[in-house]
Amino acid sequence: MPIIKSAKKRVRVAKKATVRNVKTKRGLKAALKSFQSAVTGGKKTAASAHDKVQSNLDKAGKKGIMHKNKVARKKRQLAAALKAGGVKNTVGTKKTVSKKPVAKKVTAKKGTAKKTPRKK
């Protein structure tokens, strides 16, 4: 058990971080399992499960629980598994948005604008 005040605080902080990291890892494992079962079962929910897994992987990478290269590798492997399962990957596709008509610029009629006197 630490004696120094700062060391005691580090123990408290480490406990909080451990709880946070375990929670993130547990969510990631659950999402991976549901994705694997959806892909092997041929369910149509595999695409939504893939979205959840990618989100959890990104969170783990952002928090430093997993290395960013490992996160990228896992995402690539999951996308390949999704494609091999015969499910179309909808992540990152552009959604069609109806464009609103742009208002035309109103220009002043010729000769109505005030002219500024030139400096001599």
PDB file of N, CA and C in Angstrom:
ATOM      1  N   MET A   1       0.848  -1.178   0.000  1.00  0.00           N
ATOM      2  CA  MET A   1       0.000   0.000   0.000  1.00  0.00           C
ATOM      3  C   MET A   1       0.892   1.239   0.000  1.00  0.00           C
ATOM      4  N   PRO A   2       0.572   2.196  -0.883  1.00  0.00           N
ATOM      5  CA  PRO A   2       1.416   3.395  -0.946  1.00  0.00           C
ATOM      6  C   PRO A   2       1.259   4.275   0.295  1.00  0.00           C
ATOM      7  N   ILE A   3       2.320   4.986   0.582  1.00  0.00           N
ATOM      8  CA  ILE A   3       2.332   5.878   1.738  1.00  0.00           C
ATOM      9  C   ILE A   3       2.199   7.327   1.288  1.00  0.00           C
ATOM     10  N   ILE A   4       2.858   7.660   0.191  1.00  0.00           N
ATOM     11  CA  ILE A   4       2.879   9.034  -0.301  1.00  0.00           C
ATOM     12  C   ILE A   4       1.508   9.403  -0.864  1.00  0.00           C
ATOM     13  N   LYS A   5       1.129  10.651  -0.651  1.00  0.00           N
ATOM     14  CA  LYS A   5      -0.195  11.134  -1.047  1.00  0.00           C
ATOM     15  C   LYS A   5      -0.427  11.011  -2.555  1.00  0.00           C
ATOM     16  N   SER A   6       0.559  11.387  -3.356  1.00  0.00           N
ATOM     17  CA  SER A   6       0.397  11.313  -4.811  1.00  0.00           C
ATOM     18  C   SER A   6       0.280   9.868  -5.289  1.00  0.00           C
ATOM     19  N   ALA A   7       0.969   8.963  -4.627  1.00  0.00           N
ATOM     20  CA  ALA A   7       0.892   7.547  -4.991  1.00  0.00           C
ATOM     21  C   ALA A   7      -0.492   6.983  -4.669  1.00  0.00           C
ATOM     22  N   LYS A   8      -1.059   7.450  -3.565  1.00  0.00           N
ATOM     23  CA  LYS A   8      -2.413   7.014  -3.206  1.00  0.00           C
ATOM     24  C   LYS A   8      -3.408   7.476  -4.265  1.00  0.00           C
ATOM     25  N   LYS A   9      -3.216   8.722  -4.707  1.00  0.00           N
ATOM     26  CA  LYS A   9      -4.110   9.246  -5.748  1.00  0.00           C
ATOM     27  C   LYS A   9      -3.964   8.444  -7.034  1.00  0.00           C
ATOM     28  N   ARG A  10      -2.744   8.082  -7.398  1.00  0.00           N
ATOM     29  CA  ARG A  10      -2.526   7.293  -8.618  1.00  0.00           C
ATOM     30  C   ARG A  10      -3.254   5.955  -8.533  1.00  0.00           C
ATOM     31  N   VAL A  11      -3.309   5.358  -7.356  1.00  0.00           N
ATOM     32  CA  VAL A  11      -4.033   4.100  -7.167  1.00  0.00           C
ATOM     33  C   VAL A  11      -5.522   4.314  -7.419  1.00  0.00           C
ATOM     34  N   ARG A  12      -6.068   5.434  -6.867  1.00  0.00           N
ATOM     35  CA  ARG A  12      -7.489   5.735  -7.077  1.00  0.00           C
ATOM     36  C   ARG A  12      -7.783   5.963  -8.559  1.00  0.00           C
ATOM     37  N   VAL A  13      -6.944   6.738  -9.220  1.00  0.00           N
ATOM     38  CA  VAL A  13      -7.141   7.045 -10.634  1.00  0.00           C
ATOM     39  C   VAL A  13      -7.045   5.775 -11.472  1.00  0.00           C
ATOM     40  N   ALA A  14      -6.092   4.902 -11.134  1.00  0.00           N
ATOM     41  CA  ALA A  14      -5.918   3.656 -11.879  1.00  0.00           C
ATOM     42  C   ALA A  14      -7.146   2.753 -11.738  1.00  0.00           C
ATOM     43  N   LYS A  15      -7.744   2.737 -10.552  1.00  0.00           N
ATOM     44  CA  LYS A  15      -8.957   1.932 -10.348  1.00  0.00           C
ATOM     45  C   LYS A  15     -10.096   2.430 -11.235  1.00  0.00           C
ATOM     46  N   LYS A  16     -10.261   3.767 -11.302  1.00  0.00           N
ATOM     47  CA  LYS A  16     -11.322   4.334 -12.132  1.00  0.00           C
ATOM     48  C   LYS A  16     -11.082   4.006 -13.605  1.00  0.00           C
ATOM     49  N   ALA A  17      -9.831   4.140 -14.041  1.00  0.00           N
ATOM     50  CA  ALA A  17      -9.500   3.853 -15.436  1.00  0.00           C
ATOM     51  C   ALA A  17      -9.723   2.383 -15.760  1.00  0.00           C
ATOM     52  N   THR A  18      -9.405   1.517 -14.810  1.00  0.00           N
ATOM     53  CA  THR A  18      -9.595   0.080 -15.019  1.00  0.00           C
ATOM     54  C   THR A  18     -11.067  -0.240 -15.210  1.00  0.00           C
ATOM     55  N   VAL A  19     -11.908   0.340 -14.392  1.00  0.00           N
ATOM     56  CA  VAL A  19     -13.350   0.115 -14.515  1.00  0.00           C
ATOM     57  C   VAL A  19     -13.850   0.601 -15.874  1.00  0.00           C
ATOM     58  N   ARG A  20     -13.386   1.786 -16.286  1.00  0.00           N
ATOM     59  CA  ARG A  20     -13.788   2.353 -17.573  1.00  0.00           C
ATOM     60  C   ARG A  20     -13.318   1.473 -18.736  1.00  0.00           C
ATOM     61  N   ASN A  21     -12.075   0.999 -18.651  1.00  0.00           N
ATOM     62  CA  ASN A  21     -11.521   0.169 -19.717  1.00  0.00           C
ATOM     63  C   ASN A  21     -12.218  -1.180 -19.805  1.00  0.00           C
ATOM     64  N   VAL A  22     -12.532  -1.763 -18.657  1.00  0.00           N
ATOM     65  CA  VAL A  22     -13.218  -3.059 -18.643  1.00  0.00           C
ATOM     66  C   VAL A  22     -14.600  -2.926 -19.267  1.00  0.00           C
ATOM     67  N   LYS A  23     -15.272  -1.827 -18.970  1.00  0.00           N
ATOM     68  CA  LYS A  23     -16.604  -1.589 -19.531  1.00  0.00           C
ATOM     69  C   LYS A  23     -16.533  -1.485 -21.053  1.00  0.00           C
ATOM     70  N   THR A  24     -15.534  -0.764 -21.562  1.00  0.00           N
ATOM     71  CA  THR A  24     -15.378  -0.609 -23.011  1.00  0.00           C
ATOM     72  C   THR A  24     -15.041  -1.943 -23.664  1.00  0.00           C
ATOM     73  N   LYS A  25     -14.139  -2.708 -23.042  1.00  0.00           N
ATOM     74  CA  LYS A  25     -13.755  -4.012 -23.596  1.00  0.00           C
ATOM     75  C   LYS A  25     -14.935  -4.981 -23.611  1.00  0.00           C
ATOM     76  N   ARG A  26     -15.736  -4.946 -22.538  1.00  0.00           N
ATOM     77  CA  ARG A  26     -16.886  -5.840 -22.448  1.00  0.00           C
ATOM     78  C   ARG A  26     -17.904  -5.512 -23.546  1.00  0.00           C
ATOM     79  N   GLY A  27     -18.133  -4.222 -23.786  1.00  0.00           N
ATOM     80  CA  GLY A  27     -19.048  -3.819 -24.852  1.00  0.00           C
ATOM     81  C   GLY A  27     -18.542  -4.234 -26.218  1.00  0.00           C
ATOM     82  N   LEU A  28     -17.237  -4.126 -26.409  1.00  0.00           N
ATOM     83  CA  LEU A  28     -16.631  -4.520 -27.676  1.00  0.00           C
ATOM     84  C   LEU A  28     -16.759  -6.015 -27.905  1.00  0.00           C
ATOM     85  N   LYS A  29     -16.496  -6.803 -26.874  1.00  0.00           N
ATOM     86  CA  LYS A  29     -16.600  -8.263 -27.006  1.00  0.00           C
ATOM     87  C   LYS A  29     -18.031  -8.681 -27.312  1.00  0.00           C
ATOM     88  N   ALA A  30     -18.989  -8.047 -26.648  1.00  0.00           N
ATOM     89  CA  ALA A  30     -20.396  -8.382 -26.892  1.00  0.00           C
ATOM     90  C   ALA A  30     -20.796  -8.027 -28.320  1.00  0.00           C
ATOM     91  N   ALA A  31     -20.333  -6.876 -28.804  1.00  0.00           N
ATOM     92  CA  ALA A  31     -20.654  -6.462 -30.170  1.00  0.00           C
ATOM     93  C   ALA A  31     -20.012  -7.411 -31.186  1.00  0.00           C
ATOM     94  N   LEU A  32     -18.778  -7.851 -30.910  1.00  0.00           N
ATOM     95  CA  LEU A  32     -18.105  -8.794 -31.807  1.00  0.00           C
ATOM     96  C   LEU A  32     -18.856 -10.118 -31.876  1.00  0.00           C
ATOM     97  N   LYS A  33     -19.310 -10.606 -30.716  1.00  0.00           N
ATOM     98  CA  LYS A  33     -20.040 -11.874 -30.690  1.00  0.00           C
ATOM     99  C   LYS A  33     -21.352 -11.773 -31.459  1.00  0.00           C
ATOM    100  N   SER A  34     -22.067 -10.670 -31.282  1.00  0.00           N
ATOM    101  CA  SER A  34     -23.345 -10.519 -31.992  1.00  0.00           C
ATOM    102  C   SER A  34     -23.107 -10.383 -33.492  1.00  0.00           C
ATOM    103  N   PHE A  35     -22.012  -9.731 -33.873  1.00  0.00           N
ATOM    104  CA  PHE A  35     -21.682  -9.609 -35.293  1.00  0.00           C
ATOM    105  C   PHE A  35     -21.355 -10.977 -35.886  1.00  0.00           C
ATOM    106  N   GLN A  36     -20.534 -11.747 -35.187  1.00  0.00           N
ATOM    107  CA  GLN A  36     -20.152 -13.074 -35.696  1.00  0.00           C
ATOM    108  C   GLN A  36     -21.373 -13.981 -35.835  1.00  0.00           C
ATOM    109  N   SER A  37     -22.265 -13.934 -34.851  1.00  0.00           N
ATOM    110  CA  SER A  37     -23.460 -14.782 -34.935  1.00  0.00           C
ATOM    111  C   SER A  37     -24.388 -14.318 -36.054  1.00  0.00           C
ATOM    112  N   ALA A  38     -24.439 -13.008 -36.296  1.00  0.00           N
ATOM    113  CA  ALA A  38     -25.284 -12.482 -37.368  1.00  0.00           C
ATOM    114  C   ALA A  38     -24.722 -12.863 -38.734  1.00  0.00           C
ATOM    115  N   VAL A  39     -23.405 -12.834 -38.883  1.00  0.00           N
ATOM    116  CA  VAL A  39     -22.787 -13.167 -40.170  1.00  0.00           C
ATOM    117  C   VAL A  39     -22.909 -14.660 -40.450  1.00  0.00           C
ATOM    118  N   THR A  40     -22.630 -15.492 -39.450  1.00  0.00           N
ATOM    119  CA  THR A  40     -22.704 -16.942 -39.662  1.00  0.00           C
ATOM    120  C   THR A  40     -24.147 -17.403 -39.827  1.00  0.00           C
ATOM    121  N   GLY A  41     -25.064 -16.718 -39.188  1.00  0.00           N
ATOM    122  CA  GLY A  41     -26.474 -17.079 -39.307  1.00  0.00           C
ATOM    123  C   GLY A  41     -27.103 -16.546 -40.581  1.00  0.00           C
ATOM    124  N   GLY A  42     -26.416 -15.668 -41.266  1.00  0.00           N
ATOM    125  CA  GLY A  42     -26.943 -15.106 -42.513  1.00  0.00           C
ATOM    126  C   GLY A  42     -28.088 -14.137 -42.290  1.00  0.00           C
ATOM    127  N   LYS A  43     -28.097 -13.509 -41.135  1.00  0.00           N
ATOM    128  CA  LYS A  43     -29.181 -12.571 -40.835  1.00  0.00           C
ATOM    129  C   LYS A  43     -28.968 -11.250 -41.555  1.00  0.00           C
ATOM    130  N   LYS A  44     -30.046 -10.538 -41.732  1.00  0.00           N
ATOM    131  CA  LYS A  44     -29.966  -9.225 -42.367  1.00  0.00           C
ATOM    132  C   LYS A  44     -29.513  -8.149 -41.387  1.00  0.00           C
ATOM    133  N   THR A  45     -29.433  -8.494 -40.110  1.00  0.00           N
ATOM    134  CA  THR A  45     -29.006  -7.529 -39.105  1.00  0.00           C
ATOM    135  C   THR A  45     -27.485  -7.441 -39.017  1.00  0.00           C
ATOM    136  N   ALA A  46     -26.793  -8.156 -39.873  1.00  0.00           N
ATOM    137  CA  ALA A  46     -25.331  -8.160 -39.828  1.00  0.00           C
ATOM    138  C   ALA A  46     -24.770  -6.766 -40.122  1.00  0.00           C
ATOM    139  N   ALA A  47     -25.423  -6.025 -41.010  1.00  0.00           N
ATOM    140  CA  ALA A  47     -24.935  -4.683 -41.345  1.00  0.00           C
ATOM    141  C   ALA A  47     -25.026  -3.756 -40.135  1.00  0.00           C
ATOM    142  N   SER A  48     -26.130  -3.830 -39.395  1.00  0.00           N
ATOM    143  CA  SER A  48     -26.255  -2.969 -38.213  1.00  0.00           C
ATOM    144  C   SER A  48     -25.298  -3.420 -37.116  1.00  0.00           C
ATOM    145  N   ALA A  49     -25.077  -4.734 -37.011  1.00  0.00           N
ATOM    146  CA  ALA A  49     -24.110  -5.233 -36.039  1.00  0.00           C
ATOM    147  C   ALA A  49     -22.704  -4.785 -36.414  1.00  0.00           C
ATOM    148  N   HIS A  50     -22.433  -4.729 -37.711  1.00  0.00           N
ATOM    149  CA  HIS A  50     -21.131  -4.265 -38.187  1.00  0.00           C
ATOM    150  C   HIS A  50     -20.920  -2.800 -37.808  1.00  0.00           C
ATOM    151  N   ASP A  51     -21.952  -1.988 -37.931  1.00  0.00           N
ATOM    152  CA  ASP A  51     -21.865  -0.574 -37.543  1.00  0.00           C
ATOM    153  C   ASP A  51     -21.526  -0.435 -36.058  1.00  0.00           C
ATOM    154  N   LYS A  52     -22.178  -1.259 -35.222  1.00  0.00           N
ATOM    155  CA  LYS A  52     -21.947  -1.194 -33.782  1.00  0.00           C
ATOM    156  C   LYS A  52     -20.521  -1.612 -33.432  1.00  0.00           C
ATOM    157  N   VAL A  53     -20.027  -2.653 -34.101  1.00  0.00           N
ATOM    158  CA  VAL A  53     -18.666  -3.123 -33.835  1.00  0.00           C
ATOM    159  C   VAL A  53     -17.660  -2.046 -34.237  1.00  0.00           C
ATOM    160  N   GLN A  54     -17.878  -1.438 -35.393  1.00  0.00           N
ATOM    161  CA  GLN A  54     -16.963  -0.390 -35.830  1.00  0.00           C
ATOM    162  C   GLN A  54     -16.956   0.784 -34.857  1.00  0.00           C
ATOM    163  N   SER A  55     -18.119   1.144 -34.366  1.00  0.00           N
ATOM    164  CA  SER A  55     -18.216   2.237 -33.404  1.00  0.00           C
ATOM    165  C   SER A  55     -17.453   1.897 -32.126  1.00  0.00           C
ATOM    166  N   ASN A  56     -17.644   0.676 -31.635  1.00  0.00           N
ATOM    167  CA  ASN A  56     -16.945   0.255 -30.419  1.00  0.00           C
ATOM    168  C   ASN A  56     -15.437   0.176 -30.628  1.00  0.00           C
ATOM    169  N   LEU A  57     -15.019  -0.270 -31.806  1.00  0.00           N
ATOM    170  CA  LEU A  57     -13.586  -0.312 -32.104  1.00  0.00           C
ATOM    171  C   LEU A  57     -12.994   1.094 -32.123  1.00  0.00           C
ATOM    172  N   ASP A  58     -13.714   2.017 -32.738  1.00  0.00           N
ATOM    173  CA  ASP A  58     -13.232   3.397 -32.787  1.00  0.00           C
ATOM    174  C   ASP A  58     -13.104   3.993 -31.384  1.00  0.00           C
ATOM    175  N   LYS A  59     -14.077   3.698 -30.532  1.00  0.00           N
ATOM    176  CA  LYS A  59     -14.025   4.199 -29.158  1.00  0.00           C
ATOM    177  C   LYS A  59     -12.832   3.608 -28.414  1.00  0.00           C
ATOM    178  N   ALA A  60     -12.592   2.307 -28.603  1.00  0.00           N
ATOM    179  CA  ALA A  60     -11.462   1.660 -27.937  1.00  0.00           C
ATOM    180  C   ALA A  60     -10.141   2.251 -28.413  1.00  0.00           C
ATOM    181  N   GLY A  61     -10.052   2.547 -29.703  1.00  0.00           N
ATOM    182  CA  GLY A  61      -8.841   3.158 -30.231  1.00  0.00           C
ATOM    183  C   GLY A  61      -8.650   4.571 -29.726  1.00  0.00           C
ATOM    184  N   LYS A  62      -9.742   5.310 -29.619  1.00  0.00           N
ATOM    185  CA  LYS A  62      -9.667   6.699 -29.156  1.00  0.00           C
ATOM    186  C   LYS A  62      -9.255   6.770 -27.689  1.00  0.00           C
ATOM    187  N   LYS A  63      -9.727   5.827 -26.896  1.00  0.00           N
ATOM    188  CA  LYS A  63      -9.414   5.828 -25.472  1.00  0.00           C
ATOM    189  C   LYS A  63      -8.057   5.210 -25.162  1.00  0.00           C
ATOM    190  N   GLY A  64      -7.415   4.633 -26.187  1.00  0.00           N
ATOM    191  CA  GLY A  64      -6.093   4.056 -25.977  1.00  0.00           C
ATOM    192  C   GLY A  64      -6.118   2.639 -25.451  1.00  0.00           C
ATOM    193  N   ILE A  65      -7.267   2.007 -25.481  1.00  0.00           N
ATOM    194  CA  ILE A  65      -7.369   0.630 -25.020  1.00  0.00           C
ATOM    195  C   ILE A  65      -6.762  -0.312 -26.054  1.00  0.00           C
ATOM    196  N   MET A  66      -6.961   0.021 -27.322  1.00  0.00           N
ATOM    197  CA  MET A  66      -6.378  -0.739 -28.424  1.00  0.00           C
ATOM    198  C   MET A  66      -5.533   0.203 -29.264  1.00  0.00           C
ATOM    199  N   HIS A  67      -4.484  -0.335 -29.865  1.00  0.00           N
ATOM    200  CA  HIS A  67      -3.638   0.468 -30.740  1.00  0.00           C
ATOM    201  C   HIS A  67      -4.403   0.795 -32.012  1.00  0.00           C
ATOM    202  N   LYS A  68      -4.138   1.956 -32.578  1.00  0.00           N
ATOM    203  CA  LYS A  68      -4.895   2.400 -33.753  1.00  0.00           C
ATOM    204  C   LYS A  68      -4.711   1.469 -34.943  1.00  0.00           C
ATOM    205  N   ASN A  69      -3.528   0.880 -35.083  1.00  0.00           N
ATOM    206  CA  ASN A  69      -3.309  -0.052 -36.195  1.00  0.00           C
ATOM    207  C   ASN A  69      -4.078  -1.352 -35.997  1.00  0.00           C
ATOM    208  N   LYS A  70      -4.195  -1.781 -34.756  1.00  0.00           N
ATOM    209  CA  LYS A  70      -4.976  -2.980 -34.466  1.00  0.00           C
ATOM    210  C   LYS A  70      -6.453  -2.728 -34.760  1.00  0.00           C
ATOM    211  N   VAL A  71      -6.910  -1.532 -34.419  1.00  0.00           N
ATOM    212  CA  VAL A  71      -8.297  -1.153 -34.696  1.00  0.00           C
ATOM    213  C   VAL A  71      -8.548  -1.179 -36.201  1.00  0.00           C
ATOM    214  N   ALA A  72      -7.618  -0.606 -36.970  1.00  0.00           N
ATOM    215  CA  ALA A  72      -7.767  -0.581 -38.427  1.00  0.00           C
ATOM    216  C   ALA A  72      -7.767  -1.990 -38.997  1.00  0.00           C
ATOM    217  N   ARG A  73      -6.890  -2.837 -38.476  1.00  0.00           N
ATOM    218  CA  ARG A  73      -6.816  -4.221 -38.950  1.00  0.00           C
ATOM    219  C   ARG A  73      -8.114  -4.971 -38.657  1.00  0.00           C
ATOM    220  N   LYS A  74      -8.640  -4.803 -37.442  1.00  0.00           N
ATOM    221  CA  LYS A  74      -9.896  -5.473 -37.064  1.00  0.00           C
ATOM    222  C   LYS A  74     -11.054  -5.003 -37.941  1.00  0.00           C
ATOM    223  N   LYS A  75     -11.105  -3.692 -38.196  1.00  0.00           N
ATOM    224  CA  LYS A  75     -12.185  -3.161 -39.032  1.00  0.00           C
ATOM    225  C   LYS A  75     -12.112  -3.732 -40.440  1.00  0.00           C
ATOM    226  N   ARG A  76     -10.892  -3.858 -40.958  1.00  0.00           N
ATOM    227  CA  ARG A  76     -10.714  -4.434 -42.286  1.00  0.00           C
ATOM    228  C   ARG A  76     -11.153  -5.900 -42.307  1.00  0.00           C
ATOM    229  N   GLN A  77     -10.777  -6.657 -41.274  1.00  0.00           N
ATOM    230  CA  GLN A  77     -11.149  -8.069 -41.188  1.00  0.00           C
ATOM    231  C   GLN A  77     -12.667  -8.237 -41.079  1.00  0.00           C
ATOM    232  N   LEU A  78     -13.304  -7.374 -40.309  1.00  0.00           N
ATOM    233  CA  LEU A  78     -14.751  -7.463 -40.145  1.00  0.00           C
ATOM    234  C   LEU A  78     -15.481  -7.125 -41.445  1.00  0.00           C
ATOM    235  N   ALA A  79     -14.960  -6.129 -42.169  1.00  0.00           N
ATOM    236  CA  ALA A  79     -15.574  -5.779 -43.449  1.00  0.00           C
ATOM    237  C   ALA A  79     -15.439  -6.935 -44.439  1.00  0.00           C
ATOM    238  N   ALA A  80     -14.298  -7.620 -44.403  1.00  0.00           N
ATOM    239  CA  ALA A  80     -14.096  -8.770 -45.286  1.00  0.00           C
ATOM    240  C   ALA A  80     -15.038  -9.911 -44.905  1.00  0.00           C
ATOM    241  N   ALA A  81     -15.240 -10.113 -43.605  1.00  0.00           N
ATOM    242  CA  ALA A  81     -16.151 -11.161 -43.144  1.00  0.00           C
ATOM    243  C   ALA A  81     -17.582 -10.836 -43.539  1.00  0.00           C
ATOM    244  N   LEU A  82     -17.932  -9.568 -43.466  1.00  0.00           N
ATOM    245  CA  LEU A  82     -19.277  -9.138 -43.855  1.00  0.00           C
ATOM    246  C   LEU A  82     -19.498  -9.382 -45.343  1.00  0.00           C
ATOM    247  N   LYS A  83     -18.496  -9.057 -46.141  1.00  0.00           N
ATOM    248  CA  LYS A  83     -18.593  -9.255 -47.588  1.00  0.00           C
ATOM    249  C   LYS A  83     -18.653 -10.736 -47.928  1.00  0.00           C
ATOM    250  N   ALA A  84     -17.871 -11.541 -47.223  1.00  0.00           N
ATOM    251  CA  ALA A  84     -17.869 -12.989 -47.466  1.00  0.00           C
ATOM    252  C   ALA A  84     -19.207 -13.611 -47.062  1.00  0.00           C
ATOM    253  N   GLY A  85     -19.869 -12.985 -46.093  1.00  0.00           N
ATOM    254  CA  GLY A  85     -21.171 -13.478 -45.655  1.00  0.00           C
ATOM    255  C   GLY A  85     -22.290 -13.127 -46.621  1.00  0.00           C
ATOM    256  N   GLY A  86     -21.973 -12.336 -47.633  1.00  0.00           N
ATOM    257  CA  GLY A  86     -22.967 -11.984 -48.640  1.00  0.00           C
ATOM    258  C   GLY A  86     -23.826 -10.799 -48.277  1.00  0.00           C
ATOM    259  N   VAL A  87     -23.383  -9.998 -47.330  1.00  0.00           N
ATOM    260  CA  VAL A  87     -24.144  -8.825 -46.911  1.00  0.00           C
ATOM    261  C   VAL A  87     -23.462  -7.597 -47.492  1.00  0.00           C
ATOM    262  N   LYS A  88     -24.270  -6.691 -48.035  1.00  0.00           N
ATOM    263  CA  LYS A  88     -23.706  -5.473 -48.612  1.00  0.00           C
ATOM    264  C   LYS A  88     -23.335  -4.512 -47.495  1.00  0.00           C
ATOM    265  N   ASN A  89     -22.118  -3.983 -47.577  1.00  0.00           N
ATOM    266  CA  ASN A  89     -21.624  -3.036 -46.581  1.00  0.00           C
ATOM    267  C   ASN A  89     -22.138  -1.645 -46.921  1.00  0.00           C
ATOM    268  N   THR A  90     -22.902  -1.063 -46.023  1.00  0.00           N
ATOM    269  CA  THR A  90     -23.483   0.257 -46.277  1.00  0.00           C
ATOM    270  C   THR A  90     -22.746   1.362 -45.553  1.00  0.00           C
ATOM    271  N   VAL A  91     -21.675   1.037 -44.859  1.00  0.00           N
ATOM    272  CA  VAL A  91     -20.937   2.053 -44.109  1.00  0.00           C
ATOM    273  C   VAL A  91     -20.123   2.891 -45.070  1.00  0.00           C
ATOM    274  N   GLY A  92     -20.213   4.193 -44.911  1.00  0.00           N
ATOM    275  CA  GLY A  92     -19.412   5.098 -45.712  1.00  0.00           C
ATOM    276  C   GLY A  92     -19.993   5.424 -47.068  1.00  0.00           C
ATOM    277  N   THR A  93     -21.186   4.933 -47.366  1.00  0.00           N
ATOM    278  CA  THR A  93     -21.786   5.256 -48.656  1.00  0.00           C
ATOM    279  C   THR A  93     -22.489   6.591 -48.545  1.00  0.00           C
ATOM    280  N   LYS A  94     -22.501   7.312 -49.659  1.00  0.00           N
ATOM    281  CA  LYS A  94     -23.148   8.619 -49.668  1.00  0.00           C
ATOM    282  C   LYS A  94     -24.661   8.453 -49.720  1.00  0.00           C
ATOM    283  N   LYS A  95     -25.328   9.248 -48.941  1.00  0.00           N
ATOM    284  CA  LYS A  95     -26.782   9.265 -48.983  1.00  0.00           C
ATOM    285  C   LYS A  95     -27.199  10.365 -49.953  1.00  0.00           C
ATOM    286  N   THR A  96     -28.209  10.081 -50.739  1.00  0.00           N
ATOM    287  CA  THR A  96     -28.656  11.094 -51.692  1.00  0.00           C
ATOM    288  C   THR A  96     -29.503  12.120 -50.955  1.00  0.00           C
ATOM    289  N   VAL A  97     -29.138  13.348 -51.123  1.00  0.00           N
ATOM    290  CA  VAL A  97     -29.846  14.439 -50.467  1.00  0.00           C
ATOM    291  C   VAL A  97     -30.441  15.306 -51.559  1.00  0.00           C
ATOM    292  N   SER A  98     -31.721  15.588 -51.433  1.00  0.00           N
ATOM    293  CA  SER A  98     -32.348  16.427 -52.445  1.00  0.00           C
ATOM    294  C   SER A  98     -31.847  17.857 -52.269  1.00  0.00           C
ATOM    295  N   LYS A  99     -31.409  18.421 -53.366  1.00  0.00           N
ATOM    296  CA  LYS A  99     -30.876  19.779 -53.319  1.00  0.00           C
ATOM    297  C   LYS A  99     -32.005  20.784 -53.453  1.00  0.00           C
ATOM    298  N   LYS A 100     -31.935  21.804 -52.635  1.00  0.00           N
ATOM    299  CA  LYS A 100     -32.918  22.875 -52.706  1.00  0.00           C
ATOM    300  C   LYS A 100     -32.495  23.836 -53.803  1.00  0.00           C
ATOM    301  N   PRO A 101     -33.444  24.451 -54.467  1.00  0.00           N
ATOM    302  CA  PRO A 101     -33.058  25.415 -55.492  1.00  0.00           C
ATOM    303  C   PRO A 101     -32.370  26.615 -54.848  1.00  0.00           C
ATOM    304  N   VAL A 102     -31.311  27.046 -55.486  1.00  0.00           N
ATOM    305  CA  VAL A 102     -30.536  28.160 -54.965  1.00  0.00           C
ATOM    306  C   VAL A 102     -31.160  29.459 -55.451  1.00  0.00           C
ATOM    307  N   ALA A 103     -31.321  30.388 -54.533  1.00  0.00           N
ATOM    308  CA  ALA A 103     -31.899  31.684 -54.892  1.00  0.00           C
ATOM    309  C   ALA A 103     -30.920  32.440 -55.773  1.00  0.00           C
ATOM    310  N   LYS A 104     -31.457  33.074 -56.805  1.00  0.00           N
ATOM    311  CA  LYS A 104     -30.607  33.832 -57.715  1.00  0.00           C
ATOM    312  C   LYS A 104     -30.240  35.157 -57.074  1.00  0.00           C
ATOM    313  N   LYS A 105     -29.045  35.631 -57.432  1.00  0.00           N
ATOM    314  CA  LYS A 105     -28.580  36.906 -56.925  1.00  0.00           C
ATOM    315  C   LYS A 105     -29.332  38.027 -57.608  1.00  0.00           C
ATOM    316  N   VAL A 106     -29.768  38.970 -56.823  1.00  0.00           N
ATOM    317  CA  VAL A 106     -30.465  40.120 -57.378  1.00  0.00           C
ATOM    318  C   VAL A 106     -29.420  41.192 -57.654  1.00  0.00           C
ATOM    319  N   THR A 107     -29.363  41.604 -58.898  1.00  0.00           N
ATOM    320  CA  THR A 107     -28.400  42.643 -59.258  1.00  0.00           C
ATOM    321  C   THR A 107     -29.139  43.950 -59.485  1.00  0.00           C
ATOM    322  N   ALA A 108     -28.469  45.036 -59.187  1.00  0.00           N
ATOM    323  CA  ALA A 108     -29.068  46.362 -59.359  1.00  0.00           C
ATOM    324  C   ALA A 108     -29.160  46.682 -60.850  1.00  0.00           C
ATOM    325  N   LYS A 109     -30.202  47.421 -61.205  1.00  0.00           N
ATOM    326  CA  LYS A 109     -30.363  47.813 -62.608  1.00  0.00           C
ATOM    327  C   LYS A 109     -29.280  48.814 -62.980  1.00  0.00           C
ATOM    328  N   LYS A 110     -28.977  48.812 -64.222  1.00  0.00           N
ATOM    329  CA  LYS A 110     -27.914  49.676 -64.712  1.00  0.00           C
ATOM    330  C   LYS A 110     -28.341  51.137 -64.555  1.00  0.00           C
ATOM    331  N   GLY A 111     -27.441  51.933 -63.967  1.00  0.00           N
ATOM    332  CA  GLY A 111     -27.701  53.359 -63.826  1.00  0.00           C
ATOM    333  C   GLY A 111     -28.386  53.727 -62.526  1.00  0.00           C
ATOM    334  N   THR A 112     -28.855  52.747 -61.721  1.00  0.00           N
ATOM    335  CA  THR A 112     -29.539  53.082 -60.477  1.00  0.00           C
ATOM    336  C   THR A 112     -28.585  53.141 -59.298  1.00  0.00           C
ATOM    337  N   ALA A 113     -27.435  52.542 -59.440  1.00  0.00           N
ATOM    338  CA  ALA A 113     -26.478  52.541 -58.338  1.00  0.00           C
ATOM    339  C   ALA A 113     -25.819  53.924 -58.233  1.00  0.00           C
ATOM    340  N   LYS A 114     -25.552  54.328 -56.997  1.00  0.00           N
ATOM    341  CA  LYS A 114     -24.894  55.627 -56.788  1.00  0.00           C
ATOM    342  C   LYS A 114     -23.441  55.514 -57.172  1.00  0.00           C
ATOM    343  N   LYS A 115     -22.979  56.528 -57.820  1.00  0.00           N
ATOM    344  CA  LYS A 115     -21.587  56.555 -58.208  1.00  0.00           C
ATOM    345  C   LYS A 115     -20.814  57.356 -57.186  1.00  0.00           C
ATOM    346  N   THR A 116     -19.665  56.838 -56.830  1.00  0.00           N
ATOM    347  CA  THR A 116     -18.814  57.556 -55.890  1.00  0.00           C
ATOM    348  C   THR A 116     -17.883  58.464 -56.667  1.00  0.00           C
ATOM    349  N   PRO A 117     -17.684  59.666 -56.191  1.00  0.00           N
ATOM    350  CA  PRO A 117     -16.796  60.602 -56.916  1.00  0.00           C
ATOM    351  C   PRO A 117     -15.361  60.118 -56.828  1.00  0.00           C
ATOM    352  N   ARG A 118     -14.648  60.291 -57.911  1.00  0.00           N
ATOM    353  CA  ARG A 118     -13.247  59.901 -57.961  1.00  0.00           C
ATOM    354  C   ARG A 118     -12.397  60.944 -57.249  1.00  0.00           C
ATOM    355  N   LYS A 119     -11.345  60.469 -56.634  1.00  0.00           N
ATOM    356  CA  LYS A 119     -10.401  61.383 -55.999  1.00  0.00           C
ATOM    357  C   LYS A 119      -9.410  61.853 -57.049  1.00  0.00           C
ATOM    358  N   LYS A 120      -9.080  63.150 -56.991  1.00  0.00           N
ATOM    359  CA  LYS A 120      -8.155  63.724 -57.962  1.00  0.00           C
ATOM    360  C   LYS A 120      -6.791  63.946 -57.374  1.00  0.00           C
TER     361      LYS A 120
END
